[in-house]
Amino acid sequence: MRQIQARRSAEGGFTLIEVLIGVSIFAIGMMAVAKMQYATVRNTTVGNLTSQATMLAHQKMEEVKATPFADLTDEVENNLDADGNAGGIYNRTTTITPALGAHARKVDVQVQWSAPHGGNRTFTLSSLTYERWRP
């Protein structure tokens, strides 16, 4: 009997239970890494779309600031892409309201889009513009 026990301990192999526990721990770790990768890709997508919406709002704000006061009007643009061309997911609304007297306007540029992972997102950029004095 002692001879059998000595031979088993000298072989140094793993039991089936030890192998199953090791594989289970490895699988749980791999699932955590996969979930982290998915979250990273999702957050990168959301950040990219938000950056594009921000650029669309800034682009419109610069356009409004270069427009003479007499020509300023509210505007709605639907289905814009990241460059402001037709065929995208963004809707841009520009609202002009009088502010601080006759020579100033409040400009609101709102960009809306549907997030690929659900929900609607909005970015709003506001500014006051003053009419330049022209002799």
N, C-alpha and C. Protein backbone atom coordinates (compact mmCIF):
# COMPACT_ATOMS: atom_id res chain seq x y z
N MET A 1 0.81 -1.17 0.00
CA MET A 1 0.00 0.00 0.00
C MET A 1 0.87 1.27 0.00
N ARG A 2 1.93 1.25 0.82
CA ARG A 2 2.82 2.40 0.85
C ARG A 2 3.50 2.61 -0.49
N GLN A 3 3.75 1.54 -1.16
CA GLN A 3 4.41 1.62 -2.45
C GLN A 3 3.51 2.33 -3.48
N ILE A 4 2.20 2.09 -3.48
CA ILE A 4 1.26 2.74 -4.41
C ILE A 4 1.16 4.23 -4.12
N GLN A 5 1.05 4.60 -2.85
CA GLN A 5 0.97 6.01 -2.48
C GLN A 5 2.24 6.76 -2.86
N ALA A 6 3.37 6.15 -2.68
CA ALA A 6 4.64 6.80 -3.02
C ALA A 6 4.74 7.02 -4.53
N ARG A 7 4.24 6.04 -5.31
CA ARG A 7 4.29 6.18 -6.75
C ARG A 7 3.38 7.31 -7.24
N ARG A 8 2.19 7.45 -6.65
CA ARG A 8 1.25 8.52 -7.05
C ARG A 8 1.84 9.91 -6.78
N SER A 9 2.40 10.10 -5.62
CA SER A 9 2.93 11.43 -5.29
C SER A 9 4.16 11.74 -6.13
N ALA A 10 4.87 10.76 -6.58
CA ALA A 10 6.05 11.00 -7.40
C ALA A 10 5.67 11.38 -8.83
N GLU A 11 4.50 10.97 -9.32
CA GLU A 11 4.09 11.30 -10.69
C GLU A 11 3.79 12.79 -10.84
N GLY A 12 3.23 13.43 -9.83
CA GLY A 12 3.01 14.87 -9.84
C GLY A 12 2.00 15.36 -10.87
N GLY A 13 1.00 14.62 -11.26
CA GLY A 13 0.00 15.03 -12.24
C GLY A 13 -1.12 15.84 -11.61
N PHE A 14 -2.00 16.36 -12.47
CA PHE A 14 -3.15 17.14 -12.01
C PHE A 14 -4.38 16.25 -12.03
N THR A 15 -5.26 16.50 -11.08
CA THR A 15 -6.52 15.78 -11.07
C THR A 15 -7.50 16.50 -11.99
N LEU A 16 -8.57 15.83 -12.34
CA LEU A 16 -9.58 16.43 -13.22
C LEU A 16 -10.21 17.67 -12.59
N ILE A 17 -10.42 17.65 -11.30
CA ILE A 17 -11.00 18.80 -10.59
C ILE A 17 -10.07 20.00 -10.69
N GLU A 18 -8.79 19.80 -10.50
CA GLU A 18 -7.83 20.91 -10.59
C GLU A 18 -7.81 21.51 -11.99
N VAL A 19 -7.88 20.69 -13.00
CA VAL A 19 -7.91 21.17 -14.38
C VAL A 19 -9.18 21.97 -14.64
N LEU A 20 -10.33 21.47 -14.19
CA LEU A 20 -11.60 22.19 -14.38
C LEU A 20 -11.61 23.53 -13.67
N ILE A 21 -11.07 23.59 -12.49
CA ILE A 21 -11.00 24.86 -11.75
C ILE A 21 -10.09 25.84 -12.49
N GLY A 22 -8.96 25.38 -12.97
CA GLY A 22 -8.05 26.25 -13.72
C GLY A 22 -8.67 26.78 -15.00
N VAL A 23 -9.36 25.91 -15.74
CA VAL A 23 -10.01 26.33 -16.98
C VAL A 23 -11.13 27.32 -16.68
N SER A 24 -11.87 27.11 -15.60
CA SER A 24 -12.96 28.02 -15.22
C SER A 24 -12.42 29.41 -14.89
N ILE A 25 -11.35 29.48 -14.13
CA ILE A 25 -10.75 30.77 -13.78
C ILE A 25 -10.25 31.47 -15.04
N PHE A 26 -9.63 30.74 -15.94
CA PHE A 26 -9.15 31.32 -17.19
C PHE A 26 -10.32 31.85 -18.03
N ALA A 27 -11.43 31.10 -18.10
CA ALA A 27 -12.59 31.52 -18.89
C ALA A 27 -13.21 32.79 -18.31
N ILE A 28 -13.30 32.88 -16.99
CA ILE A 28 -13.85 34.09 -16.36
C ILE A 28 -12.96 35.29 -16.68
N GLY A 29 -11.66 35.11 -16.62
CA GLY A 29 -10.74 36.20 -16.97
C GLY A 29 -10.88 36.63 -18.41
N MET A 30 -11.02 35.68 -19.32
CA MET A 30 -11.17 36.01 -20.74
C MET A 30 -12.50 36.74 -21.00
N MET A 31 -13.56 36.36 -20.28
CA MET A 31 -14.84 37.06 -20.44
C MET A 31 -14.72 38.51 -19.96
N ALA A 32 -13.98 38.74 -18.88
CA ALA A 32 -13.78 40.10 -18.39
C ALA A 32 -13.01 40.94 -19.42
N VAL A 33 -12.00 40.36 -20.04
CA VAL A 33 -11.22 41.07 -21.07
C VAL A 33 -12.11 41.39 -22.28
N ALA A 34 -12.95 40.44 -22.70
CA ALA A 34 -13.84 40.67 -23.84
C ALA A 34 -14.85 41.78 -23.52
N LYS A 35 -15.37 41.79 -22.32
CA LYS A 35 -16.33 42.84 -21.92
C LYS A 35 -15.64 44.21 -21.91
N MET A 36 -14.41 44.24 -21.45
CA MET A 36 -13.66 45.50 -21.43
C MET A 36 -13.39 45.98 -22.86
N GLN A 37 -13.07 45.09 -23.77
CA GLN A 37 -12.85 45.46 -25.17
C GLN A 37 -14.13 46.03 -25.79
N TYR A 38 -15.26 45.40 -25.52
CA TYR A 38 -16.54 45.88 -26.04
C TYR A 38 -16.83 47.29 -25.52
N ALA A 39 -16.64 47.51 -24.22
CA ALA A 39 -16.88 48.83 -23.64
C ALA A 39 -15.95 49.87 -24.25
N THR A 40 -14.70 49.51 -24.52
CA THR A 40 -13.75 50.44 -25.12
C THR A 40 -14.19 50.84 -26.53
N VAL A 41 -14.60 49.88 -27.33
CA VAL A 41 -15.05 50.17 -28.69
C VAL A 41 -16.30 51.04 -28.65
N ARG A 42 -17.21 50.74 -27.76
CA ARG A 42 -18.45 51.52 -27.65
C ARG A 42 -18.15 52.96 -27.24
N ASN A 43 -17.30 53.16 -26.25
CA ASN A 43 -16.97 54.51 -25.80
C ASN A 43 -16.20 55.28 -26.87
N THR A 44 -15.37 54.61 -27.64
CA THR A 44 -14.66 55.27 -28.73
C THR A 44 -15.64 55.74 -29.79
N THR A 45 -16.64 54.93 -30.10
CA THR A 45 -17.66 55.31 -31.09
C THR A 45 -18.44 56.52 -30.61
N VAL A 46 -18.86 56.50 -29.35
CA VAL A 46 -19.62 57.63 -28.80
C VAL A 46 -18.78 58.91 -28.82
N GLY A 47 -17.51 58.80 -28.46
CA GLY A 47 -16.63 59.96 -28.48
C GLY A 47 -16.41 60.50 -29.88
N ASN A 48 -16.28 59.62 -30.85
CA ASN A 48 -16.09 60.05 -32.23
C ASN A 48 -17.32 60.79 -32.75
N LEU A 49 -18.51 60.26 -32.48
CA LEU A 49 -19.75 60.91 -32.93
C LEU A 49 -19.93 62.26 -32.24
N THR A 50 -19.59 62.34 -30.97
CA THR A 50 -19.71 63.60 -30.24
C THR A 50 -18.73 64.64 -30.79
N SER A 51 -17.53 64.21 -31.12
CA SER A 51 -16.54 65.14 -31.71
C SER A 51 -17.02 65.66 -33.06
N GLN A 52 -17.61 64.79 -33.87
CA GLN A 52 -18.13 65.22 -35.17
C GLN A 52 -19.28 66.21 -34.99
N ALA A 53 -20.15 65.96 -34.03
CA ALA A 53 -21.26 66.89 -33.76
C ALA A 53 -20.73 68.24 -33.30
N THR A 54 -19.72 68.22 -32.47
CA THR A 54 -19.10 69.47 -32.00
C THR A 54 -18.52 70.26 -33.16
N MET A 55 -17.85 69.57 -34.07
CA MET A 55 -17.28 70.25 -35.24
C MET A 55 -18.37 70.84 -36.14
N LEU A 56 -19.47 70.11 -36.29
CA LEU A 56 -20.59 70.65 -37.09
C LEU A 56 -21.15 71.92 -36.47
N ALA A 57 -21.28 71.94 -35.14
CA ALA A 57 -21.79 73.13 -34.46
C ALA A 57 -20.82 74.30 -34.60
N HIS A 58 -19.54 74.05 -34.43
CA HIS A 58 -18.54 75.13 -34.58
C HIS A 58 -18.49 75.64 -36.02
N GLN A 59 -18.61 74.74 -36.97
CA GLN A 59 -18.61 75.13 -38.38
C GLN A 59 -19.77 76.10 -38.65
N LYS A 60 -20.96 75.77 -38.14
CA LYS A 60 -22.13 76.62 -38.37
C LYS A 60 -21.98 77.95 -37.64
N MET A 61 -21.41 77.92 -36.43
CA MET A 61 -21.23 79.15 -35.67
C MET A 61 -20.30 80.11 -36.41
N GLU A 62 -19.23 79.61 -36.98
CA GLU A 62 -18.32 80.46 -37.75
C GLU A 62 -19.01 81.02 -38.99
N GLU A 63 -19.84 80.21 -39.61
CA GLU A 63 -20.61 80.67 -40.77
C GLU A 63 -21.57 81.79 -40.39
N VAL A 64 -22.24 81.65 -39.25
CA VAL A 64 -23.18 82.68 -38.78
C VAL A 64 -22.44 83.98 -38.45
N LYS A 65 -21.28 83.85 -37.82
CA LYS A 65 -20.52 85.06 -37.45
C LYS A 65 -20.02 85.81 -38.67
N ALA A 66 -19.86 85.13 -39.80
CA ALA A 66 -19.40 85.78 -41.02
C ALA A 66 -20.56 86.33 -41.85
N THR A 67 -21.79 86.08 -41.42
CA THR A 67 -22.97 86.52 -42.17
C THR A 67 -23.42 87.90 -41.66
N PRO A 68 -23.76 88.83 -42.54
CA PRO A 68 -24.27 90.13 -42.10
C PRO A 68 -25.55 89.97 -41.27
N PHE A 69 -25.73 90.87 -40.31
CA PHE A 69 -26.88 90.79 -39.40
C PHE A 69 -28.21 90.73 -40.14
N ALA A 70 -28.34 91.49 -41.20
CA ALA A 70 -29.61 91.56 -41.93
C ALA A 70 -29.96 90.21 -42.57
N ASP A 71 -28.97 89.37 -42.82
CA ASP A 71 -29.21 88.09 -43.49
C ASP A 71 -29.35 86.91 -42.53
N LEU A 72 -29.26 87.14 -41.21
CA LEU A 72 -29.34 86.05 -40.24
C LEU A 72 -30.77 85.54 -40.11
N THR A 73 -30.95 84.24 -40.25
CA THR A 73 -32.27 83.61 -40.08
C THR A 73 -32.09 82.26 -39.39
N ASP A 74 -33.20 81.80 -38.81
CA ASP A 74 -33.20 80.46 -38.24
C ASP A 74 -33.07 79.44 -39.37
N GLU A 75 -32.47 78.30 -39.05
CA GLU A 75 -32.26 77.30 -40.10
C GLU A 75 -32.28 75.90 -39.50
N VAL A 76 -32.87 74.97 -40.24
CA VAL A 76 -32.87 73.57 -39.84
C VAL A 76 -32.28 72.76 -41.00
N GLU A 77 -31.27 71.97 -40.68
CA GLU A 77 -30.62 71.11 -41.69
C GLU A 77 -30.70 69.68 -41.18
N ASN A 78 -31.25 68.80 -42.00
CA ASN A 78 -31.42 67.40 -41.59
C ASN A 78 -30.50 66.48 -42.37
N ASN A 79 -30.17 65.36 -41.73
CA ASN A 79 -29.39 64.28 -42.34
C ASN A 79 -28.04 64.73 -42.89
N LEU A 80 -27.26 65.38 -42.03
CA LEU A 80 -25.92 65.82 -42.41
C LEU A 80 -24.90 64.77 -42.02
N ASP A 81 -23.81 64.69 -42.78
CA ASP A 81 -22.70 63.83 -42.37
C ASP A 81 -21.71 64.67 -41.56
N ALA A 82 -20.58 64.09 -41.24
CA ALA A 82 -19.59 64.77 -40.40
C ALA A 82 -19.01 66.02 -41.06
N ASP A 83 -19.08 66.11 -42.38
CA ASP A 83 -18.55 67.26 -43.10
C ASP A 83 -19.61 68.31 -43.41
N GLY A 84 -20.85 68.07 -42.99
CA GLY A 84 -21.93 69.01 -43.26
C GLY A 84 -22.63 68.76 -44.58
N ASN A 85 -22.34 67.65 -45.23
CA ASN A 85 -22.99 67.29 -46.50
C ASN A 85 -24.20 66.40 -46.23
N ALA A 86 -25.07 66.29 -47.21
CA ALA A 86 -26.27 65.45 -47.06
C ALA A 86 -25.90 63.98 -46.97
N GLY A 87 -26.73 63.23 -46.25
CA GLY A 87 -26.55 61.78 -46.20
C GLY A 87 -26.00 61.25 -44.89
N GLY A 88 -26.12 61.98 -43.80
CA GLY A 88 -25.57 61.51 -42.53
C GLY A 88 -26.63 61.34 -41.46
N ILE A 89 -26.18 61.26 -40.21
CA ILE A 89 -27.08 61.00 -39.09
C ILE A 89 -27.38 62.24 -38.26
N TYR A 90 -26.79 63.37 -38.61
CA TYR A 90 -26.91 64.57 -37.78
C TYR A 90 -28.01 65.50 -38.29
N ASN A 91 -28.72 66.13 -37.33
CA ASN A 91 -29.68 67.20 -37.63
C ASN A 91 -29.17 68.44 -36.89
N ARG A 92 -29.05 69.55 -37.63
CA ARG A 92 -28.50 70.78 -37.06
C ARG A 92 -29.54 71.89 -37.13
N THR A 93 -29.80 72.51 -35.99
CA THR A 93 -30.77 73.60 -35.90
C THR A 93 -30.07 74.86 -35.43
N THR A 94 -30.24 75.94 -36.18
CA THR A 94 -29.65 77.23 -35.81
C THR A 94 -30.78 78.18 -35.45
N THR A 95 -30.70 78.76 -34.26
CA THR A 95 -31.73 79.69 -33.78
C THR A 95 -31.08 81.04 -33.48
N ILE A 96 -31.63 82.11 -34.07
CA ILE A 96 -31.13 83.47 -33.87
C ILE A 96 -32.19 84.24 -33.08
N THR A 97 -31.80 84.82 -31.94
CA THR A 97 -32.74 85.63 -31.15
C THR A 97 -32.08 86.96 -30.79
N PRO A 98 -32.85 88.06 -30.80
CA PRO A 98 -32.30 89.36 -30.38
C PRO A 98 -31.86 89.30 -28.92
N ALA A 99 -30.76 89.97 -28.63
CA ALA A 99 -30.26 90.00 -27.26
C ALA A 99 -29.52 91.30 -27.02
N LEU A 100 -29.70 91.85 -25.86
CA LEU A 100 -28.96 93.05 -25.44
C LEU A 100 -29.09 94.22 -26.41
N GLY A 101 -30.27 94.46 -26.90
CA GLY A 101 -30.50 95.59 -27.78
C GLY A 101 -30.50 95.20 -29.25
N ALA A 102 -30.48 96.22 -30.09
CA ALA A 102 -30.64 96.00 -31.53
C ALA A 102 -29.36 95.54 -32.22
N HIS A 103 -28.24 95.66 -31.57
CA HIS A 103 -26.98 95.34 -32.24
C HIS A 103 -26.32 94.04 -31.77
N ALA A 104 -27.10 93.21 -31.12
CA ALA A 104 -26.56 91.92 -30.64
C ALA A 104 -27.59 90.81 -30.88
N ARG A 105 -27.09 89.63 -31.11
CA ARG A 105 -27.93 88.45 -31.33
C ARG A 105 -27.36 87.29 -30.54
N LYS A 106 -28.27 86.48 -30.01
CA LYS A 106 -27.86 85.23 -29.39
C LYS A 106 -28.02 84.14 -30.44
N VAL A 107 -26.98 83.37 -30.63
CA VAL A 107 -27.00 82.30 -31.63
C VAL A 107 -26.89 80.97 -30.89
N ASP A 108 -27.84 80.08 -31.16
CA ASP A 108 -27.81 78.72 -30.61
C ASP A 108 -27.72 77.75 -31.79
N VAL A 109 -26.73 76.90 -31.76
CA VAL A 109 -26.59 75.85 -32.78
C VAL A 109 -26.71 74.52 -32.03
N GLN A 110 -27.72 73.76 -32.40
CA GLN A 110 -27.97 72.48 -31.74
C GLN A 110 -27.82 71.36 -32.77
N VAL A 111 -27.01 70.37 -32.42
CA VAL A 111 -26.80 69.22 -33.29
C VAL A 111 -27.35 67.99 -32.56
N GLN A 112 -28.22 67.25 -33.23
CA GLN A 112 -28.84 66.06 -32.66
C GLN A 112 -28.52 64.85 -33.53
N TRP A 113 -28.41 63.69 -32.89
CA TRP A 113 -28.19 62.45 -33.63
C TRP A 113 -28.65 61.27 -32.78
N SER A 114 -28.90 60.17 -33.44
CA SER A 114 -29.27 58.93 -32.75
C SER A 114 -28.01 58.11 -32.54
N ALA A 115 -27.76 57.73 -31.31
CA ALA A 115 -26.58 56.94 -31.00
C ALA A 115 -26.78 55.51 -31.49
N PRO A 116 -25.74 54.88 -31.99
CA PRO A 116 -25.88 53.51 -32.51
C PRO A 116 -26.25 52.50 -31.42
N HIS A 117 -25.97 52.82 -30.17
CA HIS A 117 -26.27 51.90 -29.08
C HIS A 117 -27.58 52.27 -28.38
N GLY A 118 -28.37 53.14 -29.02
CA GLY A 118 -29.66 53.53 -28.47
C GLY A 118 -29.63 54.92 -27.86
N GLY A 119 -30.75 55.58 -27.96
CA GLY A 119 -30.88 56.91 -27.37
C GLY A 119 -30.53 58.02 -28.33
N ASN A 120 -31.04 59.19 -28.05
CA ASN A 120 -30.74 60.37 -28.85
C ASN A 120 -29.75 61.24 -28.09
N ARG A 121 -28.84 61.84 -28.80
CA ARG A 121 -27.82 62.70 -28.22
C ARG A 121 -27.97 64.11 -28.78
N THR A 122 -27.59 65.09 -27.99
CA THR A 122 -27.68 66.49 -28.41
C THR A 122 -26.44 67.24 -27.94
N PHE A 123 -25.93 68.09 -28.80
CA PHE A 123 -24.85 69.01 -28.44
C PHE A 123 -25.32 70.41 -28.82
N THR A 124 -25.23 71.36 -27.89
CA THR A 124 -25.67 72.73 -28.14
C THR A 124 -24.50 73.69 -27.91
N LEU A 125 -24.34 74.60 -28.87
CA LEU A 125 -23.32 75.63 -28.78
C LEU A 125 -24.02 76.98 -28.85
N SER A 126 -23.76 77.85 -27.87
CA SER A 126 -24.41 79.16 -27.81
C SER A 126 -23.34 80.25 -27.80
N SER A 127 -23.71 81.40 -28.41
CA SER A 127 -22.79 82.52 -28.45
C SER A 127 -23.57 83.82 -28.65
N LEU A 128 -22.98 84.91 -28.22
CA LEU A 128 -23.53 86.23 -28.51
C LEU A 128 -22.69 86.84 -29.62
N THR A 129 -23.36 87.40 -30.63
CA THR A 129 -22.64 88.05 -31.72
C THR A 129 -23.07 89.51 -31.76
N TYR A 130 -22.13 90.37 -32.04
CA TYR A 130 -22.41 91.81 -32.11
C TYR A 130 -22.22 92.28 -33.53
N GLU A 131 -23.10 93.20 -33.93
CA GLU A 131 -23.00 93.77 -35.28
C GLU A 131 -21.78 94.67 -35.34
N ARG A 132 -20.99 94.49 -36.35
CA ARG A 132 -19.81 95.32 -36.52
C ARG A 132 -20.22 96.68 -37.08
N TRP A 133 -19.57 97.70 -36.55
CA TRP A 133 -19.86 99.05 -37.03
C TRP A 133 -19.13 99.24 -38.34
N ARG A 134 -19.87 99.70 -39.35
CA ARG A 134 -19.29 99.93 -40.66
C ARG A 134 -19.52 101.39 -41.05
N PRO A 135 -18.45 102.10 -41.30
CA PRO A 135 -18.59 103.53 -41.64
C PRO A 135 -19.16 103.72 -43.04
